C-alpha atoms as a PDB file:
ATOM      1  CA  MET A   1     122.765 132.406 146.079  1.00  0.00           C
ATOM      2  CA  ASP A   2     120.763 129.512 144.623  1.00  0.00           C
ATOM      3  CA  THR A   3     122.022 125.992 145.155  1.00  0.00           C
ATOM      4  CA  VAL A   4     122.473 123.835 142.051  1.00  0.00           C
ATOM      5  CA  VAL A   5     121.318 120.266 142.566  1.00  0.00           C
ATOM      6  CA  LEU A   6     123.454 117.842 140.578  1.00  0.00           C
ATOM      7  CA  PRO A   7     122.148 114.441 139.444  1.00  0.00           C
ATOM      8  CA  GLN A   8     124.393 112.622 141.913  1.00  0.00           C
ATOM      9  CA  ASP A   9     122.853 114.717 144.692  1.00  0.00           C
ATOM     10  CA  ALA A  10     119.319 113.772 143.627  1.00  0.00           C
ATOM     11  CA  PRO A  11     119.109 110.059 142.737  1.00  0.00           C
ATOM     12  CA  GLY A  12     115.423 110.440 141.894  1.00  0.00           C
ATOM     13  CA  LEU A  13     116.196 112.906 139.143  1.00  0.00           C
ATOM     14  CA  ALA A  14     118.953 110.746 137.742  1.00  0.00           C
ATOM     15  CA  ALA A  15     116.560 107.789 137.526  1.00  0.00           C
ATOM     16  CA  LEU A  16     114.056 109.605 135.330  1.00  0.00           C
ATOM     17  CA  PRO A  17     113.456 107.742 132.055  1.00  0.00           C
ATOM     18  CA  PRO A  18     114.641 109.370 128.844  1.00  0.00           C
ATOM     19  CA  ALA A  19     112.197 111.379 126.792  1.00  0.00           C
ATOM     20  CA  GLY A  20     110.270 109.607 124.030  1.00  0.00           C
ATOM     21  CA  PHE A  21     108.424 106.314 123.765  1.00  0.00           C
ATOM     22  CA  THR A  22     109.712 102.782 123.982  1.00  0.00           C
ATOM     23  CA  ALA A  23     109.379 100.211 121.211  1.00  0.00           C
ATOM     24  CA  ARG A  24     106.686  98.442 123.230  1.00  0.00           C
ATOM     25  CA  GLN A  25     104.648 101.644 123.488  1.00  0.00           C
ATOM     26  CA  HIS A  26     104.944 102.174 119.741  1.00  0.00           C
ATOM     27  CA  MET A  27     103.711  98.629 119.143  1.00  0.00           C
ATOM     28  CA  ILE A  28     100.764  99.191 121.488  1.00  0.00           C
ATOM     29  CA  CYS A  29      99.836 102.318 119.539  1.00  0.00           C
ATOM     30  CA  LEU A  30     100.144 100.473 116.217  1.00  0.00           C
ATOM     31  CA  GLY A  31      98.080  97.581 117.549  1.00  0.00           C
ATOM     32  CA  GLY A  32      95.353  99.927 118.757  1.00  0.00           C
ATOM     33  CA  ILE A  33      95.059 101.658 115.392  1.00  0.00           C
ATOM     34  CA  MET A  34      95.026  98.348 113.515  1.00  0.00           C
ATOM     35  CA  TRP A  35      92.428  96.921 115.906  1.00  0.00           C
ATOM     36  CA  ARG A  36      90.226  99.976 115.382  1.00  0.00           C
ATOM     37  CA  GLU A  37      90.487  99.551 111.612  1.00  0.00           C
ATOM     38  CA  ALA A  38      89.706  95.832 111.915  1.00  0.00           C
ATOM     39  CA  LEU A  39      86.623  96.517 114.029  1.00  0.00           C
ATOM     40  CA  ARG A  40      85.418  99.102 111.541  1.00  0.00           C
ATOM     41  CA  PHE A  41      85.905  96.597 108.729  1.00  0.00           C
ATOM     42  CA  LEU A  42      84.049  93.847 110.611  1.00  0.00           C
ATOM     43  CA  HIS A  43      81.133  96.151 111.453  1.00  0.00           C
ATOM     44  CA  GLN A  44      80.846  97.293 107.832  1.00  0.00           C
ATOM     45  CA  ARG A  45      80.089  93.977 106.145  1.00  0.00           C
ATOM     46  CA  GLU A  46      78.778  95.748 103.068  1.00  0.00           C
ATOM     47  CA  ARG A  47      82.277  97.162 102.587  1.00  0.00           C
ATOM     48  CA  PHE A  48      83.686  93.645 102.327  1.00  0.00           C
ATOM     49  CA  VAL A  49      80.901  92.520  99.999  1.00  0.00           C
ATOM     50  CA  SER A  50      81.260  95.548  97.729  1.00  0.00           C
ATOM     51  CA  ALA A  51      85.034  95.030  97.602  1.00  0.00           C
ATOM     52  CA  LEU A  52      84.423  91.549  96.173  1.00  0.00           C
ATOM     53  CA  VAL A  53      81.436  92.360  93.968  1.00  0.00           C
ATOM     54  CA  ARG A  54      83.331  94.785  91.704  1.00  0.00           C
ATOM     55  CA  PRO A  55      86.123  92.397  90.626  1.00  0.00           C
ATOM     56  CA  LEU A  56      83.852  89.352  90.557  1.00  0.00           C
ATOM     57  CA  VAL A  57      81.373  91.088  88.235  1.00  0.00           C
ATOM     58  CA  TRP A  58      84.221  91.808  85.860  1.00  0.00           C
ATOM     59  CA  LEU A  59      85.515  88.246  86.204  1.00  0.00           C
ATOM     60  CA  PHE A  60      82.148  86.493  85.794  1.00  0.00           C
ATOM     61  CA  ILE A  61      80.549  88.717  83.162  1.00  0.00           C
ATOM     62  CA  PHE A  62      83.042  90.839  81.265  1.00  0.00           C
ATOM     63  CA  ALA A  63      85.770  88.199  81.135  1.00  0.00           C
ATOM     64  CA  ALA A  64      83.305  85.686  79.713  1.00  0.00           C
ATOM     65  CA  GLY A  65      82.418  88.090  76.906  1.00  0.00           C
ATOM     66  CA  PHE A  66      85.977  89.200  76.197  1.00  0.00           C
ATOM     67  CA  ARG A  67      87.386  85.668  76.149  1.00  0.00           C
ATOM     68  CA  GLN A  68      86.484  85.167  72.496  1.00  0.00           C
ATOM     69  CA  ILE A  69      87.261  88.753  71.475  1.00  0.00           C
ATOM     70  CA  LEU A  70      90.511  89.595  73.238  1.00  0.00           C
ATOM     71  CA  GLY A  71      93.225  87.022  72.906  1.00  0.00           C
ATOM     72  CA  VAL A  72      96.351  87.519  74.983  1.00  0.00           C
ATOM     73  CA  SER A  73      99.554  86.553  73.230  1.00  0.00           C
ATOM     74  CA  ILE A  74     102.679  85.225  74.880  1.00  0.00           C
ATOM     75  CA  ILE A  75     104.065  88.149  76.870  1.00  0.00           C
ATOM     76  CA  PRO A  76     106.146  88.155  80.063  1.00  0.00           C
ATOM     77  CA  PRO A  77     105.651  86.721  82.619  1.00  0.00           C
ATOM     78  CA  TYR A  78     103.494  84.204  80.733  1.00  0.00           C
ATOM     79  CA  GLU A  79     105.172  81.376  78.836  1.00  0.00           C
ATOM     80  CA  THR A  80     102.124  80.366  76.811  1.00  0.00           C
ATOM     81  CA  TYR A  81      98.810  81.717  75.605  1.00  0.00           C
ATOM     82  CA  ILE A  82      96.423  82.433  78.467  1.00  0.00           C
ATOM     83  CA  LEU A  83      92.732  83.051  78.870  1.00  0.00           C
ATOM     84  CA  TYR A  84      91.501  86.574  79.442  1.00  0.00           C
ATOM     85  CA  GLU A  85      90.362  85.815  82.992  1.00  0.00           C
ATOM     86  CA  ASP A  86      93.908  84.690  83.846  1.00  0.00           C
ATOM     87  CA  TYR A  87      95.344  87.901  82.450  1.00  0.00           C
ATOM     88  CA  VAL A  88      92.850  90.200  84.151  1.00  0.00           C
ATOM     89  CA  THR A  89      93.117  88.637  87.629  1.00  0.00           C
ATOM     90  CA  PRO A  90      96.221  90.621  88.743  1.00  0.00           C
ATOM     91  CA  GLY A  91      94.506  93.816  87.597  1.00  0.00           C
ATOM     92  CA  LEU A  92      91.394  92.966  89.595  1.00  0.00           C
ATOM     93  CA  MET A  93      93.535  92.239  92.648  1.00  0.00           C
ATOM     94  CA  ALA A  94      95.086  95.671  92.294  1.00  0.00           C
ATOM     95  CA  MET A  95      91.629  97.166  91.760  1.00  0.00           C
ATOM     96  CA  ILE A  96      90.552  95.871  95.165  1.00  0.00           C
ATOM     97  CA  GLN A  97      93.481  97.684  96.742  1.00  0.00           C
ATOM     98  CA  LEU A  98      92.745 100.820  94.737  1.00  0.00           C
ATOM     99  CA  PHE A  99      89.160 101.015  95.951  1.00  0.00           C
ATOM    100  CA  ASN A 100      90.211 100.135  99.491  1.00  0.00           C
ATOM    101  CA  GLY A 101      92.742 102.965  99.496  1.00  0.00           C
ATOM    102  CA  MET A 102      90.065 105.397  98.389  1.00  0.00           C
ATOM    103  CA  GLN A 103      87.614 103.946 100.933  1.00  0.00           C
ATOM    104  CA  SER A 104      90.202 104.515 103.631  1.00  0.00           C
ATOM    105  CA  SER A 105      90.532 108.134 102.563  1.00  0.00           C
ATOM    106  CA  LEU A 106      86.750 108.454 102.781  1.00  0.00           C
ATOM    107  CA  SER A 107      86.867 107.211 106.364  1.00  0.00           C
ATOM    108  CA  MET A 108      89.519 109.821 107.181  1.00  0.00           C
ATOM    109  CA  VAL A 109      87.342 112.587 105.735  1.00  0.00           C
ATOM    110  CA  TYR A 110      84.418 111.277 107.792  1.00  0.00           C
ATOM    111  CA  ASP A 111      86.540 111.072 110.952  1.00  0.00           C
ATOM    112  CA  ARG A 112      87.699 114.642 110.381  1.00  0.00           C
ATOM    113  CA  GLU A 113      84.120 115.892 110.149  1.00  0.00           C
ATOM    114  CA  MET A 114      83.034 113.897 113.222  1.00  0.00           C
ATOM    115  CA  GLY A 115      86.057 114.956 115.273  1.00  0.00           C
ATOM    116  CA  ASN A 116      87.619 111.494 115.582  1.00  0.00           C
ATOM    117  CA  MET A 117      90.600 112.548 113.512  1.00  0.00           C
ATOM    118  CA  ARG A 118      91.353 115.367 115.951  1.00  0.00           C
ATOM    119  CA  MET A 119      91.412 112.873 118.841  1.00  0.00           C
ATOM    120  CA  LEU A 120      93.881 110.691 116.934  1.00  0.00           C
ATOM    121  CA  LEU A 121      96.205 113.466 115.798  1.00  0.00           C
ATOM    122  CA  VAL A 122      96.506 115.098 119.248  1.00  0.00           C
ATOM    123  CA  SER A 123      98.096 111.906 120.523  1.00  0.00           C
ATOM    124  CA  PRO A 124     101.590 112.449 121.996  1.00  0.00           C
ATOM    125  CA  PHE A 125     102.987 110.062 119.405  1.00  0.00           C
ATOM    126  CA  PRO A 126     104.586 111.653 116.320  1.00  0.00           C
ATOM    127  CA  ARG A 127     102.059 112.492 113.656  1.00  0.00           C
ATOM    128  CA  TRP A 128     104.031 110.664 110.973  1.00  0.00           C
ATOM    129  CA  TYR A 129     103.894 107.493 113.078  1.00  0.00           C
ATOM    130  CA  LEU A 130     100.126 107.756 113.534  1.00  0.00           C
ATOM    131  CA  LEU A 131      99.546 108.253 109.824  1.00  0.00           C
ATOM    132  CA  THR A 132     101.911 105.399 108.940  1.00  0.00           C
ATOM    133  CA  SER A 133     100.100 103.118 111.392  1.00  0.00           C
ATOM    134  CA  LYS A 134      96.783 104.051 109.789  1.00  0.00           C
ATOM    135  CA  LEU A 135      98.316 103.284 106.402  1.00  0.00           C
ATOM    136  CA  LEU A 136      99.552  99.866 107.542  1.00  0.00           C
ATOM    137  CA  ALA A 137      96.132  99.026 108.961  1.00  0.00           C
ATOM    138  CA  SER A 138      94.419  99.964 105.704  1.00  0.00           C
ATOM    139  CA  THR A 139      96.901  97.878 103.722  1.00  0.00           C
ATOM    140  CA  ALA A 140      96.307  94.848 105.934  1.00  0.00           C
ATOM    141  CA  VAL A 141      92.553  95.086 105.315  1.00  0.00           C
ATOM    142  CA  SER A 142      93.081  95.329 101.552  1.00  0.00           C
ATOM    143  CA  ILE A 143      95.298  92.223 101.552  1.00  0.00           C
ATOM    144  CA  LEU A 144      92.579  90.218 103.314  1.00  0.00           C
ATOM    145  CA  GLN A 145      90.122  91.309 100.635  1.00  0.00           C
ATOM    146  CA  VAL A 146      92.531  90.330  97.852  1.00  0.00           C
ATOM    147  CA  TYR A 147      93.054  86.835  99.230  1.00  0.00           C
ATOM    148  CA  ALA A 148      89.296  86.370  99.585  1.00  0.00           C
ATOM    149  CA  TYR A 149      88.970  87.273  95.907  1.00  0.00           C
ATOM    150  CA  MET A 150      91.781  84.877  94.980  1.00  0.00           C
ATOM    151  CA  VAL A 151      89.932  82.005  96.632  1.00  0.00           C
ATOM    152  CA  VAL A 152      86.732  82.739  94.692  1.00  0.00           C
ATOM    153  CA  ALA A 153      88.667  83.210  91.439  1.00  0.00           C
ATOM    154  CA  TRP A 154      90.474  79.899  91.943  1.00  0.00           C
ATOM    155  CA  LEU A 155      87.169  78.121  92.544  1.00  0.00           C
ATOM    156  CA  TRP A 156      85.877  79.717  89.333  1.00  0.00           C
ATOM    157  CA  GLY A 157      88.746  78.159  87.408  1.00  0.00           C
ATOM    158  CA  VAL A 158      91.300  80.962  87.191  1.00  0.00           C
ATOM    159  CA  THR A 159      94.866  79.677  87.081  1.00  0.00           C
ATOM    160  CA  ILE A 160      96.689  80.889  90.191  1.00  0.00           C
ATOM    161  CA  PRO A 161      99.991  79.139  90.980  1.00  0.00           C
ATOM    162  CA  PRO A 162      99.878  77.902  94.597  1.00  0.00           C
ATOM    163  CA  TRP A 163     103.375  79.216  95.330  1.00  0.00           C
ATOM    164  CA  GLY A 164     102.474  82.433  93.532  1.00  0.00           C
ATOM    165  CA  ALA A 165      99.796  83.144  96.120  1.00  0.00           C
ATOM    166  CA  VAL A 166     102.584  83.296  98.711  1.00  0.00           C
ATOM    167  CA  LEU A 167     105.211  85.078  96.629  1.00  0.00           C
ATOM    168  CA  VAL A 168     102.754  87.835  95.671  1.00  0.00           C
ATOM    169  CA  LEU A 169     102.364  88.985  99.284  1.00  0.00           C
ATOM    170  CA  PRO A 170     105.267  91.517  99.237  1.00  0.00           C
ATOM    171  CA  ALA A 171     103.871  93.006  96.016  1.00  0.00           C
ATOM    172  CA  LEU A 172     100.439  93.326  97.622  1.00  0.00           C
ATOM    173  CA  VAL A 173     101.950  95.021 100.663  1.00  0.00           C
ATOM    174  CA  LEU A 174     103.890  97.533  98.587  1.00  0.00           C
ATOM    175  CA  ASN A 175     101.013  98.230  96.196  1.00  0.00           C
ATOM    176  CA  GLY A 176      98.595  98.603  99.111  1.00  0.00           C
ATOM    177  CA  LEU A 177     100.911 101.089 100.778  1.00  0.00           C
ATOM    178  CA  MET A 178     101.203 103.131  97.582  1.00  0.00           C
ATOM    179  CA  LEU A 179      97.454 103.307  96.970  1.00  0.00           C
ATOM    180  CA  GLY A 180      96.660 103.840 100.642  1.00  0.00           C
ATOM    181  CA  ALA A 181      99.164 106.703 100.803  1.00  0.00           C
ATOM    182  CA  LEU A 182      97.583 108.218  97.701  1.00  0.00           C
ATOM    183  CA  GLY A 183      94.158 108.017  99.346  1.00  0.00           C
ATOM    184  CA  MET A 184      95.546 109.576 102.515  1.00  0.00           C
ATOM    185  CA  LEU A 185      97.023 112.434 100.500  1.00  0.00           C
ATOM    186  CA  LEU A 186      93.681 112.986  98.769  1.00  0.00           C
ATOM    187  CA  SER A 187      91.869 112.992 102.115  1.00  0.00           C
ATOM    188  CA  SER A 188      93.896 116.065 103.080  1.00  0.00           C
ATOM    189  CA  ILE A 189      92.643 117.851  99.956  1.00  0.00           C
ATOM    190  CA  ILE A 190      88.961 116.921 100.258  1.00  0.00           C
ATOM    191  CA  LYS A 191      87.401 119.388 102.652  1.00  0.00           C
ATOM    192  CA  GLN A 192      83.878 117.974 102.942  1.00  0.00           C
ATOM    193  CA  LEU A 193      82.412 114.497 102.691  1.00  0.00           C
ATOM    194  CA  GLU A 194      80.041 115.627  99.929  1.00  0.00           C
ATOM    195  CA  ASN A 195      82.999 116.396  97.662  1.00  0.00           C
ATOM    196  CA  PHE A 196      84.464 112.921  97.983  1.00  0.00           C
ATOM    197  CA  ALA A 197      82.507 111.244  95.172  1.00  0.00           C
ATOM    198  CA  GLY A 198      83.395 113.909  92.627  1.00  0.00           C
ATOM    199  CA  VAL A 199      87.095 113.832  93.418  1.00  0.00           C
ATOM    200  CA  MET A 200      87.212 110.034  93.410  1.00  0.00           C
ATOM    201  CA  ASN A 201      85.614 109.850  89.975  1.00  0.00           C
ATOM    202  CA  PHE A 202      88.583 111.783  88.640  1.00  0.00           C
ATOM    203  CA  VAL A 203      91.046 109.461  90.378  1.00  0.00           C
ATOM    204  CA  ILE A 204      89.776 105.880  90.576  1.00  0.00           C
ATOM    205  CA  PHE A 205      88.366 105.327  87.097  1.00  0.00           C
ATOM    206  CA  PRO A 206      91.146 107.050  85.115  1.00  0.00           C
ATOM    207  CA  MET A 207      93.794 105.172  87.112  1.00  0.00           C
ATOM    208  CA  PHE A 208      92.044 101.836  86.624  1.00  0.00           C
ATOM    209  CA  PHE A 209      91.081 102.042  82.959  1.00  0.00           C
ATOM    210  CA  ALA A 210      94.259 103.825  81.807  1.00  0.00           C
ATOM    211  CA  SER A 211      96.487 100.980  82.971  1.00  0.00           C
ATOM    212  CA  ALA A 212      97.532  97.437  82.149  1.00  0.00           C
ATOM    213  CA  ALA A 213      94.849  96.001  84.410  1.00  0.00           C
ATOM    214  CA  LEU A 214      92.350  95.068  81.681  1.00  0.00           C
ATOM    215  CA  TYR A 215      94.380  94.787  78.477  1.00  0.00           C
ATOM    216  CA  PRO A 216      98.035  94.499  77.437  1.00  0.00           C
ATOM    217  CA  LEU A 217      99.753  97.786  76.765  1.00  0.00           C
ATOM    218  CA  TRP A 218     100.953  96.661  73.324  1.00  0.00           C
ATOM    219  CA  LEU A 219      97.310  96.574  72.228  1.00  0.00           C
ATOM    220  CA  VAL A 220      96.817 100.091  73.573  1.00  0.00           C
ATOM    221  CA  GLN A 221      99.925 101.290  71.759  1.00  0.00           C
ATOM    222  CA  GLN A 222      98.599  99.985  68.444  1.00  0.00           C
ATOM    223  CA  SER A 223      95.297 101.814  68.808  1.00  0.00           C
ATOM    224  CA  SER A 224      96.319 105.061  70.542  1.00  0.00           C
ATOM    225  CA  PRO A 225      99.892 106.178  71.287  1.00  0.00           C
ATOM    226  CA  VAL A 226      98.557 109.011  73.470  1.00  0.00           C
ATOM    227  CA  VAL A 227      96.577 106.653  75.707  1.00  0.00           C
ATOM    228  CA  TYR A 228      99.588 104.337  75.774  1.00  0.00           C
ATOM    229  CA  LEU A 229     101.751 107.200  77.085  1.00  0.00           C
ATOM    230  CA  ILE A 230      99.158 107.958  79.768  1.00  0.00           C
ATOM    231  CA  CYS A 231      99.163 104.303  80.795  1.00  0.00           C
ATOM    232  CA  ARG A 232     102.940 104.328  81.047  1.00  0.00           C
ATOM    233  CA  LEU A 233     102.821 107.397  83.288  1.00  0.00           C
ATOM    234  CA  ASN A 234     100.152 105.869  85.521  1.00  0.00           C
ATOM    235  CA  PRO A 235     101.688 104.445  88.742  1.00  0.00           C
ATOM    236  CA  PHE A 236      98.776 102.006  89.008  1.00  0.00           C
ATOM    237  CA  THR A 237     100.080 100.296  85.847  1.00  0.00           C
ATOM    238  CA  TYR A 238     103.302  99.409  87.616  1.00  0.00           C
ATOM    239  CA  GLY A 239     101.435  98.188  90.676  1.00  0.00           C
ATOM    240  CA  VAL A 240      99.480  95.795  88.446  1.00  0.00           C
ATOM    241  CA  GLU A 241     102.625  94.604  86.683  1.00  0.00           C
ATOM    242  CA  LEU A 242     104.420  94.084  89.993  1.00  0.00           C
ATOM    243  CA  ILE A 243     101.588  91.835  91.175  1.00  0.00           C
ATOM    244  CA  ARG A 244     101.387  90.048  87.813  1.00  0.00           C
ATOM    245  CA  PHE A 245     105.075  89.129  87.758  1.00  0.00           C
ATOM    246  CA  MET A 246     105.209  88.146  91.429  1.00  0.00           C
ATOM    247  CA  LEU A 247     102.312  85.729  90.922  1.00  0.00           C
ATOM    248  CA  TYR A 248     104.647  83.775  88.653  1.00  0.00           C
ATOM    249  CA  GLY A 249     107.735  84.095  90.817  1.00  0.00           C
ATOM    250  CA  GLN A 250     109.372  86.874  88.804  1.00  0.00           C
ATOM    251  CA  VAL A 251     110.337  90.450  89.646  1.00  0.00           C
ATOM    252  CA  ASN A 252     109.612  93.361  87.352  1.00  0.00           C
ATOM    253  CA  TRP A 253     112.383  95.652  88.514  1.00  0.00           C
ATOM    254  CA  LEU A 254     111.020  98.743  86.783  1.00  0.00           C
ATOM    255  CA  ALA A 255     107.615  98.229  88.414  1.00  0.00           C
ATOM    256  CA  LEU A 256     109.276  97.643  91.786  1.00  0.00           C
ATOM    257  CA  ALA A 257     111.277 100.872  91.493  1.00  0.00           C
ATOM    258  CA  VAL A 258     108.272 102.953  90.422  1.00  0.00           C
ATOM    259  CA  VAL A 259     105.926 101.590  93.092  1.00  0.00           C
ATOM    260  CA  THR A 260     108.539 102.044  95.820  1.00  0.00           C
ATOM    261  CA  THR A 261     109.281 105.604  94.731  1.00  0.00           C
ATOM    262  CA  MET A 262     105.621 106.595  94.501  1.00  0.00           C
ATOM    263  CA  THR A 263     104.929 105.045  97.905  1.00  0.00           C
ATOM    264  CA  VAL A 264     107.598 107.250  99.457  1.00  0.00           C
ATOM    265  CA  VAL A 265     106.366 110.331  97.576  1.00  0.00           C
ATOM    266  CA  PHE A 266     102.687 109.841  98.448  1.00  0.00           C
ATOM    267  CA  THR A 267     103.442 109.006 102.096  1.00  0.00           C
ATOM    268  CA  ALA A 268     105.716 112.038 102.495  1.00  0.00           C
ATOM    269  CA  GLY A 269     103.085 114.228 100.843  1.00  0.00           C
ATOM    270  CA  ALA A 270     100.380 112.973 103.206  1.00  0.00           C
ATOM    271  CA  ILE A 271     102.573 113.541 106.273  1.00  0.00           C
ATOM    272  CA  VAL A 272     103.355 117.082 105.159  1.00  0.00           C
ATOM    273  CA  ALA A 273      99.688 117.751 104.321  1.00  0.00           C
ATOM    274  CA  TYR A 274      98.622 116.676 107.820  1.00  0.00           C
ATOM    275  CA  ASP A 275     101.357 118.727 109.482  1.00  0.00           C
ATOM    276  CA  PRO A 276      99.590 121.468 111.489  1.00  0.00           C
ATOM    277  CA  SER A 277     102.309 124.034 110.819  1.00  0.00           C
ATOM    278  CA  ARG A 278     102.596 123.740 107.033  1.00  0.00           C
ATOM    279  CA  GLY A 279     100.013 121.263 105.767  1.00  0.00           C
ATOM    280  CA  LEU A 280      96.867 121.710 103.732  1.00  0.00           C
ATOM    281  CA  LEU A 281      94.576 121.104 106.706  1.00  0.00           C
ATOM    282  CA  THR A 282      95.801 124.227 108.461  1.00  0.00           C
ATOM    283  CA  ARG A 283      94.834 126.423 105.522  1.00  0.00           C
ATOM    284  CA  LYS A 284      91.478 124.679 105.294  1.00  0.00           C
ATOM    285  CA  GLY A 285      90.657 124.817 108.954  1.00  0.00           C
ATOM    286  CA  GLY A 286      91.210 121.114 109.575  1.00  0.00           C
ATOM    287  CA  PRO A 287      92.299 119.415 112.792  1.00  0.00           C
ATOM    288  CA  ALA A 288      95.284 120.934 114.520  1.00  0.00           C
END
């Protein structure tokens, strides 16, 4: 008859640590992923330059031309008439995060083709935690780019309240998470790197131009009710408005609710898509 060894009879067995990872181990994993993303960002200086060139071209060239054509009336959160470059700055800040989110998805497609994604996803840590850590790292990089743009815009003469630059940080974090999660979800759909540009053209430009980033929605409503409806259904619109209001110390509760909801939806969709048992990558032959 076999002898059953109880824990009190085997102190070594009783002293075994519980299954799972400690909080310190989770922080080490998060730090490693963020450090890898930071190194990639530092080694790709053209990525930082291109992230600033797009909004600065619009600020220096287009805003100068539109200043005399497009007047912005007194609309919340503004308490007086403003110049076009002041109005467009929150939209350009959100544009930086939009392009960064798509750039992050491009890096995930590249890592999947090179095999780096497989090495990351076979980690013993939960897959949802790895993807969330990657999302946080991408958001942190986008926030650094936004603040670099804010410095240049302020030197150019754009009105940015000093306290607003601090208060806008939570809005930048939430908007960066939403757009980064959207890019992560798209990276699970894009099978090859060559298909990335085509898919992004149907995502980035419609989201950016069909929003409140470049012009007030009341002007859009006067010219085209259909386009106005599209802008209202665009989650990027609410990300822009969340940033715009937070710059002036106000909260747009509708924008906050929409951005928070879409962040949860996009993140959950990305986690499911990267799940080896039921995600899109399994059907496409992606990493297990």
